[in-house]
Amino acid sequence: SGLHGWAFTLKQFAEMYATKFQIEPAKLMKRLWGSHFYSPSERKWNETGGEGYVRGFCQFVLDPIYKVFDAIMNFKDEEVKKLITKLGIKLDVEDKDKVGKPLLKAVMSKWLPAGDTLLQMITIHLPSPKTAQQYRMELLYEGPHDDPCALGIKNCDPEAPLMVYVSKMVPTTDK
């Protein structure tokens, strides 16, 4: 939620549960997405579901989020305290007295901070600057592609001339 400052990845939840299930986060990530079902009573996973089996994503990702929302928005103070403790959330002194939406924002942004999630997604999915500049230089630099400035950009050379790219964002009605 951009409004409340929280976001998550499967990797974050897999890392939360890895110790509990004694399984590698990468393997658990695969079980948290798609047709993978878990039975708490049998403590087993399967790919077909059945009685007592719940989709992994619903049980281990959505349900905890729904429980936090329900407890806070329905003013279930004792349940909120238990969830905050169980999730290891450390609220600031001024956040402890909040209720309703302000408390929800504080809890969710501490538990699943959007900034950490965004940084994790950037490091996992975007190429390194050294790799990206190999193909971006042609788009960013309008001078000759074989001069020292262009080569410095392309190779991410710290000894090359300093280059600054200024971009002006102009709102348009184009969609």
N, C-alpha and C. Protein backbone atom coordinates (compact mmCIF):
# COMPACT_ATOMS: atom_id res chain seq x y z
N SER A 1 0.84 -1.17 0.00
CA SER A 1 0.00 0.00 0.00
C SER A 1 0.89 1.24 0.00
N GLY A 2 0.83 1.99 -1.05
CA GLY A 2 1.58 3.24 -1.11
C GLY A 2 1.06 4.22 -0.08
N LEU A 3 -0.23 4.19 0.19
CA LEU A 3 -0.86 5.08 1.15
C LEU A 3 -0.35 4.84 2.57
N HIS A 4 -0.19 3.58 2.93
CA HIS A 4 0.23 3.25 4.28
C HIS A 4 1.71 2.89 4.39
N GLY A 5 2.45 2.92 3.29
CA GLY A 5 3.89 2.72 3.33
C GLY A 5 4.34 1.29 3.57
N TRP A 6 3.58 0.31 3.05
CA TRP A 6 4.00 -1.08 3.22
C TRP A 6 3.87 -1.84 1.91
N ALA A 7 4.67 -2.86 1.81
CA ALA A 7 4.66 -3.73 0.63
C ALA A 7 5.37 -5.01 1.02
N PHE A 8 5.26 -6.04 0.19
CA PHE A 8 5.93 -7.29 0.52
C PHE A 8 6.31 -8.04 -0.74
N THR A 9 7.23 -8.97 -0.57
CA THR A 9 7.59 -9.90 -1.62
C THR A 9 7.44 -11.31 -1.04
N LEU A 10 7.35 -12.28 -1.91
CA LEU A 10 7.31 -13.66 -1.45
C LEU A 10 8.60 -14.01 -0.71
N LYS A 11 9.69 -13.42 -1.16
CA LYS A 11 10.99 -13.68 -0.52
C LYS A 11 10.96 -13.28 0.96
N GLN A 12 10.33 -12.15 1.27
CA GLN A 12 10.26 -11.71 2.65
C GLN A 12 9.48 -12.71 3.51
N PHE A 13 8.34 -13.17 3.00
CA PHE A 13 7.55 -14.14 3.77
C PHE A 13 8.26 -15.48 3.85
N ALA A 14 8.92 -15.89 2.77
CA ALA A 14 9.66 -17.15 2.79
C ALA A 14 10.76 -17.09 3.84
N GLU A 15 11.43 -15.94 3.95
CA GLU A 15 12.48 -15.79 4.96
C GLU A 15 11.91 -15.81 6.37
N MET A 16 10.69 -15.28 6.54
CA MET A 16 10.03 -15.30 7.86
C MET A 16 9.73 -16.73 8.30
N TYR A 17 9.28 -17.55 7.36
CA TYR A 17 8.84 -18.90 7.68
C TYR A 17 9.92 -19.97 7.52
N ALA A 18 11.05 -19.65 6.95
CA ALA A 18 12.09 -20.64 6.66
C ALA A 18 12.54 -21.41 7.90
N THR A 19 12.74 -20.72 8.98
CA THR A 19 13.18 -21.37 10.21
C THR A 19 12.09 -22.29 10.77
N LYS A 20 10.85 -21.79 10.75
CA LYS A 20 9.74 -22.58 11.28
C LYS A 20 9.59 -23.91 10.54
N PHE A 21 9.70 -23.86 9.21
CA PHE A 21 9.53 -25.06 8.40
C PHE A 21 10.83 -25.81 8.16
N GLN A 22 11.94 -25.21 8.59
CA GLN A 22 13.27 -25.80 8.37
C GLN A 22 13.45 -26.12 6.89
N ILE A 23 13.25 -25.09 6.07
CA ILE A 23 13.34 -25.22 4.62
C ILE A 23 14.02 -23.97 4.07
N GLU A 24 14.72 -24.12 2.98
CA GLU A 24 15.39 -22.97 2.36
C GLU A 24 14.35 -21.98 1.84
N PRO A 25 14.61 -20.67 2.01
CA PRO A 25 13.66 -19.66 1.52
C PRO A 25 13.32 -19.81 0.03
N ALA A 26 14.30 -20.14 -0.79
CA ALA A 26 14.04 -20.27 -2.24
C ALA A 26 13.03 -21.38 -2.52
N LYS A 27 13.13 -22.47 -1.81
CA LYS A 27 12.20 -23.58 -1.99
C LYS A 27 10.81 -23.21 -1.45
N LEU A 28 10.79 -22.53 -0.32
CA LEU A 28 9.53 -22.11 0.27
C LEU A 28 8.82 -21.08 -0.61
N MET A 29 9.59 -20.21 -1.25
CA MET A 29 9.00 -19.21 -2.16
C MET A 29 8.16 -19.89 -3.23
N LYS A 30 8.65 -21.00 -3.76
CA LYS A 30 7.91 -21.72 -4.80
C LYS A 30 6.61 -22.28 -4.25
N ARG A 31 6.61 -22.65 -2.98
CA ARG A 31 5.39 -23.20 -2.37
C ARG A 31 4.38 -22.12 -2.00
N LEU A 32 4.84 -20.89 -1.90
CA LEU A 32 3.94 -19.79 -1.55
C LEU A 32 3.21 -19.22 -2.76
N TRP A 33 3.48 -19.73 -3.94
CA TRP A 33 2.85 -19.19 -5.14
C TRP A 33 2.32 -20.34 -5.99
N GLY A 34 1.16 -20.15 -6.56
CA GLY A 34 0.60 -21.17 -7.45
C GLY A 34 -0.17 -22.24 -6.70
N SER A 35 -0.25 -23.40 -7.31
CA SER A 35 -1.05 -24.51 -6.76
C SER A 35 -0.25 -25.35 -5.78
N HIS A 36 0.00 -24.78 -4.64
CA HIS A 36 0.69 -25.48 -3.56
C HIS A 36 -0.15 -25.29 -2.31
N PHE A 37 -0.57 -26.39 -1.72
CA PHE A 37 -1.49 -26.36 -0.60
C PHE A 37 -0.84 -26.96 0.63
N TYR A 38 -1.22 -26.43 1.81
CA TYR A 38 -0.63 -26.90 3.06
C TYR A 38 -1.75 -27.29 4.02
N SER A 39 -1.54 -28.39 4.72
CA SER A 39 -2.47 -28.85 5.76
C SER A 39 -1.80 -28.66 7.11
N PRO A 40 -2.30 -27.74 7.92
CA PRO A 40 -1.71 -27.54 9.24
C PRO A 40 -1.83 -28.78 10.14
N SER A 41 -2.93 -29.50 10.03
CA SER A 41 -3.10 -30.67 10.89
C SER A 41 -2.14 -31.80 10.52
N GLU A 42 -1.91 -31.98 9.21
CA GLU A 42 -0.99 -33.03 8.77
C GLU A 42 0.45 -32.54 8.63
N ARG A 43 0.60 -31.20 8.62
CA ARG A 43 1.92 -30.57 8.42
C ARG A 43 2.57 -31.06 7.13
N LYS A 44 1.76 -31.09 6.07
CA LYS A 44 2.23 -31.55 4.77
C LYS A 44 1.77 -30.60 3.67
N TRP A 45 2.55 -30.57 2.59
CA TRP A 45 2.24 -29.80 1.39
C TRP A 45 1.80 -30.78 0.31
N ASN A 46 0.89 -30.31 -0.58
CA ASN A 46 0.60 -31.05 -1.80
C ASN A 46 0.20 -30.08 -2.90
N GLU A 47 0.03 -30.57 -4.10
CA GLU A 47 -0.32 -29.71 -5.24
C GLU A 47 -1.75 -29.91 -5.71
N THR A 48 -2.54 -30.67 -4.98
CA THR A 48 -3.92 -30.92 -5.39
C THR A 48 -4.94 -30.36 -4.43
N GLY A 49 -4.54 -29.98 -3.25
CA GLY A 49 -5.48 -29.47 -2.26
C GLY A 49 -6.22 -30.60 -1.58
N GLY A 50 -7.48 -30.37 -1.28
CA GLY A 50 -8.28 -31.37 -0.60
C GLY A 50 -8.74 -30.85 0.74
N GLU A 51 -9.44 -31.70 1.48
CA GLU A 51 -9.99 -31.30 2.76
C GLU A 51 -8.87 -31.00 3.76
N GLY A 52 -8.97 -29.83 4.36
CA GLY A 52 -7.97 -29.43 5.35
C GLY A 52 -6.75 -28.74 4.75
N TYR A 53 -6.65 -28.69 3.42
CA TYR A 53 -5.51 -28.04 2.76
C TYR A 53 -5.90 -26.63 2.32
N VAL A 54 -4.99 -25.70 2.52
CA VAL A 54 -5.21 -24.31 2.13
C VAL A 54 -4.06 -23.89 1.24
N ARG A 55 -4.37 -23.11 0.20
CA ARG A 55 -3.33 -22.60 -0.70
C ARG A 55 -2.27 -21.87 0.14
N GLY A 56 -1.01 -22.16 -0.12
CA GLY A 56 0.10 -21.60 0.65
C GLY A 56 0.09 -20.09 0.73
N PHE A 57 -0.15 -19.42 -0.40
CA PHE A 57 -0.16 -17.95 -0.42
C PHE A 57 -1.24 -17.41 0.51
N CYS A 58 -2.42 -18.01 0.45
CA CYS A 58 -3.53 -17.54 1.29
C CYS A 58 -3.22 -17.74 2.77
N GLN A 59 -2.71 -18.90 3.11
CA GLN A 59 -2.48 -19.23 4.51
C GLN A 59 -1.30 -18.48 5.12
N PHE A 60 -0.23 -18.34 4.38
CA PHE A 60 1.00 -17.80 4.98
C PHE A 60 1.30 -16.35 4.62
N VAL A 61 0.59 -15.80 3.64
CA VAL A 61 0.82 -14.40 3.28
C VAL A 61 -0.43 -13.57 3.55
N LEU A 62 -1.54 -13.93 2.91
CA LEU A 62 -2.75 -13.12 3.06
C LEU A 62 -3.37 -13.19 4.45
N ASP A 63 -3.48 -14.39 5.01
CA ASP A 63 -4.12 -14.52 6.32
C ASP A 63 -3.45 -13.68 7.40
N PRO A 64 -2.12 -13.70 7.53
CA PRO A 64 -1.51 -12.84 8.55
C PRO A 64 -1.81 -11.34 8.32
N ILE A 65 -1.80 -10.93 7.06
CA ILE A 65 -2.11 -9.52 6.76
C ILE A 65 -3.56 -9.23 7.14
N TYR A 66 -4.48 -10.12 6.76
CA TYR A 66 -5.90 -9.93 7.10
C TYR A 66 -6.10 -9.91 8.61
N LYS A 67 -5.38 -10.75 9.34
CA LYS A 67 -5.51 -10.78 10.80
C LYS A 67 -5.09 -9.46 11.42
N VAL A 68 -4.00 -8.89 10.92
CA VAL A 68 -3.54 -7.60 11.42
C VAL A 68 -4.58 -6.52 11.13
N PHE A 69 -5.08 -6.49 9.89
CA PHE A 69 -6.09 -5.50 9.52
C PHE A 69 -7.34 -5.65 10.38
N ASP A 70 -7.82 -6.89 10.52
CA ASP A 70 -9.05 -7.14 11.28
C ASP A 70 -8.88 -6.73 12.74
N ALA A 71 -7.80 -7.13 13.36
CA ALA A 71 -7.59 -6.82 14.77
C ALA A 71 -7.50 -5.31 15.01
N ILE A 72 -6.78 -4.62 14.15
CA ILE A 72 -6.61 -3.17 14.35
C ILE A 72 -7.88 -2.40 14.02
N MET A 73 -8.48 -2.71 12.88
CA MET A 73 -9.64 -1.93 12.45
C MET A 73 -10.91 -2.26 13.25
N ASN A 74 -10.94 -3.40 13.92
CA ASN A 74 -12.08 -3.74 14.77
C ASN A 74 -11.76 -3.58 16.25
N PHE A 75 -10.68 -2.87 16.54
CA PHE A 75 -10.29 -2.46 17.88
C PHE A 75 -10.20 -3.63 18.86
N LYS A 76 -9.60 -4.72 18.41
CA LYS A 76 -9.38 -5.90 19.25
C LYS A 76 -8.00 -5.76 19.90
N ASP A 77 -7.96 -4.96 20.96
CA ASP A 77 -6.69 -4.56 21.58
C ASP A 77 -5.81 -5.72 22.02
N GLU A 78 -6.38 -6.71 22.65
CA GLU A 78 -5.57 -7.85 23.12
C GLU A 78 -4.98 -8.62 21.94
N GLU A 79 -5.78 -8.80 20.90
CA GLU A 79 -5.30 -9.51 19.71
C GLU A 79 -4.21 -8.71 19.01
N VAL A 80 -4.37 -7.39 18.97
CA VAL A 80 -3.35 -6.52 18.37
C VAL A 80 -2.03 -6.67 19.11
N LYS A 81 -2.08 -6.66 20.43
CA LYS A 81 -0.86 -6.81 21.23
C LYS A 81 -0.18 -8.15 20.95
N LYS A 82 -0.97 -9.22 20.89
CA LYS A 82 -0.42 -10.55 20.60
C LYS A 82 0.22 -10.59 19.23
N LEU A 83 -0.45 -10.03 18.22
CA LEU A 83 0.09 -10.03 16.85
C LEU A 83 1.38 -9.23 16.76
N ILE A 84 1.40 -8.07 17.40
CA ILE A 84 2.60 -7.22 17.36
C ILE A 84 3.78 -7.97 17.99
N THR A 85 3.53 -8.64 19.09
CA THR A 85 4.59 -9.41 19.75
C THR A 85 5.01 -10.58 18.88
N LYS A 86 4.05 -11.33 18.37
CA LYS A 86 4.33 -12.52 17.55
C LYS A 86 5.10 -12.18 16.29
N LEU A 87 4.78 -11.03 15.68
CA LEU A 87 5.44 -10.61 14.44
C LEU A 87 6.76 -9.88 14.71
N GLY A 88 7.06 -9.61 15.97
CA GLY A 88 8.33 -8.96 16.31
C GLY A 88 8.38 -7.50 15.90
N ILE A 89 7.24 -6.83 15.94
CA ILE A 89 7.17 -5.43 15.53
C ILE A 89 7.48 -4.54 16.72
N LYS A 90 8.42 -3.63 16.54
CA LYS A 90 8.80 -2.69 17.59
C LYS A 90 8.20 -1.33 17.25
N LEU A 91 7.12 -0.97 17.95
CA LEU A 91 6.48 0.32 17.70
C LEU A 91 7.18 1.43 18.48
N ASP A 92 7.21 2.62 17.89
CA ASP A 92 7.74 3.78 18.59
C ASP A 92 6.78 4.16 19.72
N VAL A 93 7.26 4.92 20.67
CA VAL A 93 6.45 5.30 21.83
C VAL A 93 5.18 6.02 21.38
N GLU A 94 5.30 6.93 20.43
CA GLU A 94 4.13 7.69 19.98
C GLU A 94 3.14 6.82 19.19
N ASP A 95 3.60 5.71 18.62
CA ASP A 95 2.72 4.82 17.85
C ASP A 95 1.90 3.91 18.75
N LYS A 96 2.35 3.65 19.95
CA LYS A 96 1.66 2.70 20.85
C LYS A 96 0.28 3.19 21.29
N ASP A 97 0.07 4.49 21.29
CA ASP A 97 -1.22 5.05 21.72
C ASP A 97 -2.21 5.21 20.57
N LYS A 98 -1.78 4.94 19.36
CA LYS A 98 -2.66 5.11 18.20
C LYS A 98 -3.68 3.97 18.12
N VAL A 99 -4.79 4.26 17.44
CA VAL A 99 -5.81 3.25 17.18
C VAL A 99 -6.31 3.42 15.75
N GLY A 100 -6.96 2.40 15.22
CA GLY A 100 -7.54 2.49 13.89
C GLY A 100 -6.51 2.64 12.80
N LYS A 101 -6.85 3.46 11.81
CA LYS A 101 -5.97 3.62 10.64
C LYS A 101 -4.57 4.10 10.97
N PRO A 102 -4.41 5.07 11.86
CA PRO A 102 -3.03 5.49 12.19
C PRO A 102 -2.19 4.34 12.76
N LEU A 103 -2.80 3.49 13.60
CA LEU A 103 -2.08 2.34 14.15
C LEU A 103 -1.79 1.34 13.04
N LEU A 104 -2.76 1.12 12.17
CA LEU A 104 -2.58 0.19 11.05
C LEU A 104 -1.39 0.63 10.19
N LYS A 105 -1.34 1.91 9.88
CA LYS A 105 -0.23 2.43 9.07
C LYS A 105 1.11 2.21 9.78
N ALA A 106 1.14 2.50 11.09
CA ALA A 106 2.39 2.34 11.86
C ALA A 106 2.82 0.87 11.90
N VAL A 107 1.88 -0.03 12.17
CA VAL A 107 2.21 -1.45 12.29
C VAL A 107 2.67 -2.01 10.95
N MET A 108 1.91 -1.75 9.91
CA MET A 108 2.23 -2.32 8.60
C MET A 108 3.55 -1.77 8.05
N SER A 109 3.79 -0.47 8.26
CA SER A 109 5.04 0.10 7.74
C SER A 109 6.26 -0.37 8.53
N LYS A 110 6.06 -0.79 9.78
CA LYS A 110 7.17 -1.36 10.55
C LYS A 110 7.38 -2.83 10.19
N TRP A 111 6.29 -3.56 9.99
CA TRP A 111 6.37 -4.99 9.71
C TRP A 111 6.84 -5.26 8.29
N LEU A 112 6.24 -4.57 7.32
CA LEU A 112 6.57 -4.78 5.90
C LEU A 112 6.88 -3.44 5.23
N PRO A 113 8.01 -2.82 5.58
CA PRO A 113 8.31 -1.48 5.05
C PRO A 113 8.47 -1.47 3.53
N ALA A 114 7.76 -0.56 2.90
CA ALA A 114 7.78 -0.46 1.44
C ALA A 114 9.19 -0.18 0.90
N GLY A 115 9.95 0.63 1.60
CA GLY A 115 11.30 0.96 1.14
C GLY A 115 12.20 -0.26 1.05
N ASP A 116 12.14 -1.11 2.07
CA ASP A 116 12.95 -2.34 2.06
C ASP A 116 12.53 -3.26 0.92
N THR A 117 11.21 -3.35 0.71
CA THR A 117 10.69 -4.20 -0.36
C THR A 117 11.13 -3.68 -1.72
N LEU A 118 11.02 -2.38 -1.91
CA LEU A 118 11.43 -1.79 -3.19
C LEU A 118 12.92 -2.00 -3.44
N LEU A 119 13.73 -1.79 -2.42
CA LEU A 119 15.17 -2.00 -2.56
C LEU A 119 15.47 -3.46 -2.90
N GLN A 120 14.78 -4.38 -2.24
CA GLN A 120 14.98 -5.81 -2.52
C GLN A 120 14.61 -6.12 -3.97
N MET A 121 13.50 -5.58 -4.44
CA MET A 121 13.07 -5.83 -5.83
C MET A 121 14.07 -5.24 -6.83
N ILE A 122 14.58 -4.06 -6.52
CA ILE A 122 15.56 -3.43 -7.40
C ILE A 122 16.82 -4.28 -7.50
N THR A 123 17.33 -4.73 -6.34
CA THR A 123 18.57 -5.50 -6.36
C THR A 123 18.41 -6.87 -7.01
N ILE A 124 17.22 -7.44 -6.90
CA ILE A 124 16.98 -8.77 -7.49
C ILE A 124 16.72 -8.67 -8.99
N HIS A 125 15.91 -7.71 -9.40
CA HIS A 125 15.39 -7.72 -10.76
C HIS A 125 16.03 -6.74 -11.74
N LEU A 126 16.69 -5.71 -11.26
CA LEU A 126 17.31 -4.75 -12.19
C LEU A 126 18.79 -5.09 -12.38
N PRO A 127 19.29 -4.83 -13.57
CA PRO A 127 20.71 -5.11 -13.80
C PRO A 127 21.59 -4.14 -13.03
N SER A 128 22.82 -4.54 -12.81
CA SER A 128 23.77 -3.65 -12.13
C SER A 128 24.04 -2.45 -13.05
N PRO A 129 24.48 -1.33 -12.49
CA PRO A 129 24.79 -0.17 -13.34
C PRO A 129 25.82 -0.52 -14.42
N LYS A 130 26.81 -1.31 -14.07
CA LYS A 130 27.85 -1.66 -15.04
C LYS A 130 27.26 -2.42 -16.23
N THR A 131 26.32 -3.31 -15.97
CA THR A 131 25.66 -4.06 -17.04
C THR A 131 24.71 -3.16 -17.82
N ALA A 132 23.90 -2.38 -17.10
CA ALA A 132 22.89 -1.55 -17.73
C ALA A 132 23.49 -0.45 -18.60
N GLN A 133 24.59 0.15 -18.15
CA GLN A 133 25.17 1.24 -18.91
C GLN A 133 25.67 0.79 -20.28
N GLN A 134 25.93 -0.48 -20.44
CA GLN A 134 26.37 -0.99 -21.74
C GLN A 134 25.35 -0.67 -22.82
N TYR A 135 24.08 -0.75 -22.48
CA TYR A 135 23.05 -0.45 -23.49
C TYR A 135 22.35 0.89 -23.27
N ARG A 136 22.45 1.46 -22.08
CA ARG A 136 21.79 2.75 -21.80
C ARG A 136 22.56 3.95 -22.35
N MET A 137 23.87 3.81 -22.47
CA MET A 137 24.68 4.95 -22.90
C MET A 137 24.15 5.56 -24.19
N GLU A 138 23.76 4.75 -25.13
CA GLU A 138 23.26 5.26 -26.42
C GLU A 138 21.99 6.09 -26.25
N LEU A 139 21.20 5.78 -25.23
CA LEU A 139 19.97 6.52 -24.99
C LEU A 139 20.21 7.80 -24.19
N LEU A 140 21.24 7.79 -23.35
CA LEU A 140 21.49 8.91 -22.46
C LEU A 140 22.43 9.97 -23.04
N TYR A 141 23.33 9.56 -23.90
CA TYR A 141 24.38 10.46 -24.37
C TYR A 141 24.19 10.74 -25.86
N GLU A 142 24.12 12.03 -26.20
CA GLU A 142 23.86 12.41 -27.59
C GLU A 142 25.13 12.71 -28.38
N GLY A 143 26.27 12.71 -27.72
CA GLY A 143 27.52 12.98 -28.42
C GLY A 143 28.01 11.73 -29.15
N PRO A 144 29.24 11.82 -29.71
CA PRO A 144 29.79 10.66 -30.41
C PRO A 144 29.96 9.48 -29.45
N HIS A 145 29.65 8.30 -29.91
CA HIS A 145 29.66 7.11 -29.05
C HIS A 145 31.05 6.53 -28.81
N ASP A 146 32.07 7.17 -29.38
CA ASP A 146 33.43 6.67 -29.17
C ASP A 146 34.32 7.68 -28.45
N ASP A 147 33.75 8.79 -27.96
CA ASP A 147 34.58 9.77 -27.25
C ASP A 147 34.75 9.35 -25.78
N PRO A 148 35.68 9.96 -25.05
CA PRO A 148 35.97 9.56 -23.66
C PRO A 148 34.74 9.62 -22.73
N CYS A 149 33.87 10.60 -22.96
CA CYS A 149 32.67 10.72 -22.12
C CYS A 149 31.75 9.53 -22.34
N ALA A 150 31.48 9.20 -23.59
CA ALA A 150 30.59 8.08 -23.91
C ALA A 150 31.17 6.77 -23.39
N LEU A 151 32.44 6.57 -23.60
CA LEU A 151 33.07 5.34 -23.13
C LEU A 151 33.09 5.26 -21.61
N GLY A 152 33.26 6.40 -20.96
CA GLY A 152 33.22 6.44 -19.49
C GLY A 152 31.85 6.05 -18.96
N ILE A 153 30.79 6.56 -19.61
CA ILE A 153 29.42 6.19 -19.21
C ILE A 153 29.20 4.71 -19.46
N LYS A 154 29.55 4.26 -20.65
CA LYS A 154 29.30 2.87 -21.04
C LYS A 154 30.02 1.88 -20.14
N ASN A 155 31.22 2.20 -19.71
CA ASN A 155 32.02 1.28 -18.91
C ASN A 155 31.94 1.56 -17.40
N CYS A 156 31.11 2.53 -17.01
CA CYS A 156 31.01 2.93 -15.58
C CYS A 156 32.41 3.20 -15.03
N ASP A 157 33.18 3.94 -15.75
CA ASP A 157 34.58 4.20 -15.39
C ASP A 157 34.65 5.36 -14.40
N PRO A 158 35.10 5.11 -13.16
CA PRO A 158 35.19 6.19 -12.17
C PRO A 158 36.26 7.23 -12.51
N GLU A 159 37.18 6.89 -13.41
CA GLU A 159 38.25 7.81 -13.79
C GLU A 159 37.86 8.66 -15.00
N ALA A 160 36.73 8.39 -15.61
CA ALA A 160 36.27 9.13 -16.79
C ALA A 160 35.79 10.52 -16.37
N PRO A 161 35.59 11.41 -17.35
CA PRO A 161 35.06 12.74 -17.01
C PRO A 161 33.69 12.62 -16.33
N LEU A 162 33.44 13.52 -15.37
CA LEU A 162 32.17 13.53 -14.66
C LEU A 162 31.06 13.92 -15.63
N MET A 163 29.99 13.14 -15.65
CA MET A 163 28.85 13.43 -16.52
C MET A 163 27.60 13.50 -15.66
N VAL A 164 26.72 14.44 -15.97
CA VAL A 164 25.46 14.60 -15.25
C VAL A 164 24.34 14.59 -16.28
N TYR A 165 23.28 13.85 -15.99
CA TYR A 165 22.12 13.79 -16.87
C TYR A 165 20.98 14.50 -16.18
N VAL A 166 20.43 15.53 -16.83
CA VAL A 166 19.33 16.29 -16.26
C VAL A 166 18.08 15.97 -17.07
N SER A 167 17.04 15.62 -16.36
CA SER A 167 15.78 15.27 -17.02
C SER A 167 14.67 16.12 -16.45
N LYS A 168 13.83 16.63 -17.32
CA LYS A 168 12.69 17.42 -16.86
C LYS A 168 11.43 16.61 -17.12
N MET A 169 10.68 16.37 -16.08
CA MET A 169 9.43 15.63 -16.21
C MET A 169 8.31 16.64 -16.46
N VAL A 170 7.62 16.46 -17.57
CA VAL A 170 6.55 17.36 -17.94
C VAL A 170 5.23 16.58 -17.97
N PRO A 171 4.24 17.00 -17.18
CA PRO A 171 2.98 16.27 -17.21
C PRO A 171 2.27 16.44 -18.55
N THR A 172 1.72 15.36 -19.04
CA THR A 172 0.97 15.41 -20.30
C THR A 172 -0.33 14.64 -20.11
N THR A 173 -1.20 14.77 -21.09
CA THR A 173 -2.46 14.03 -21.06
C THR A 173 -2.36 12.73 -21.84
N ASP A 174 -1.17 12.49 -22.43
CA ASP A 174 -0.95 11.25 -23.19
C ASP A 174 -1.03 10.07 -22.25
N LYS A 175 -1.65 8.99 -22.74
CA LYS A 175 -1.74 7.78 -21.90
C LYS A 175 -1.21 6.60 -22.64
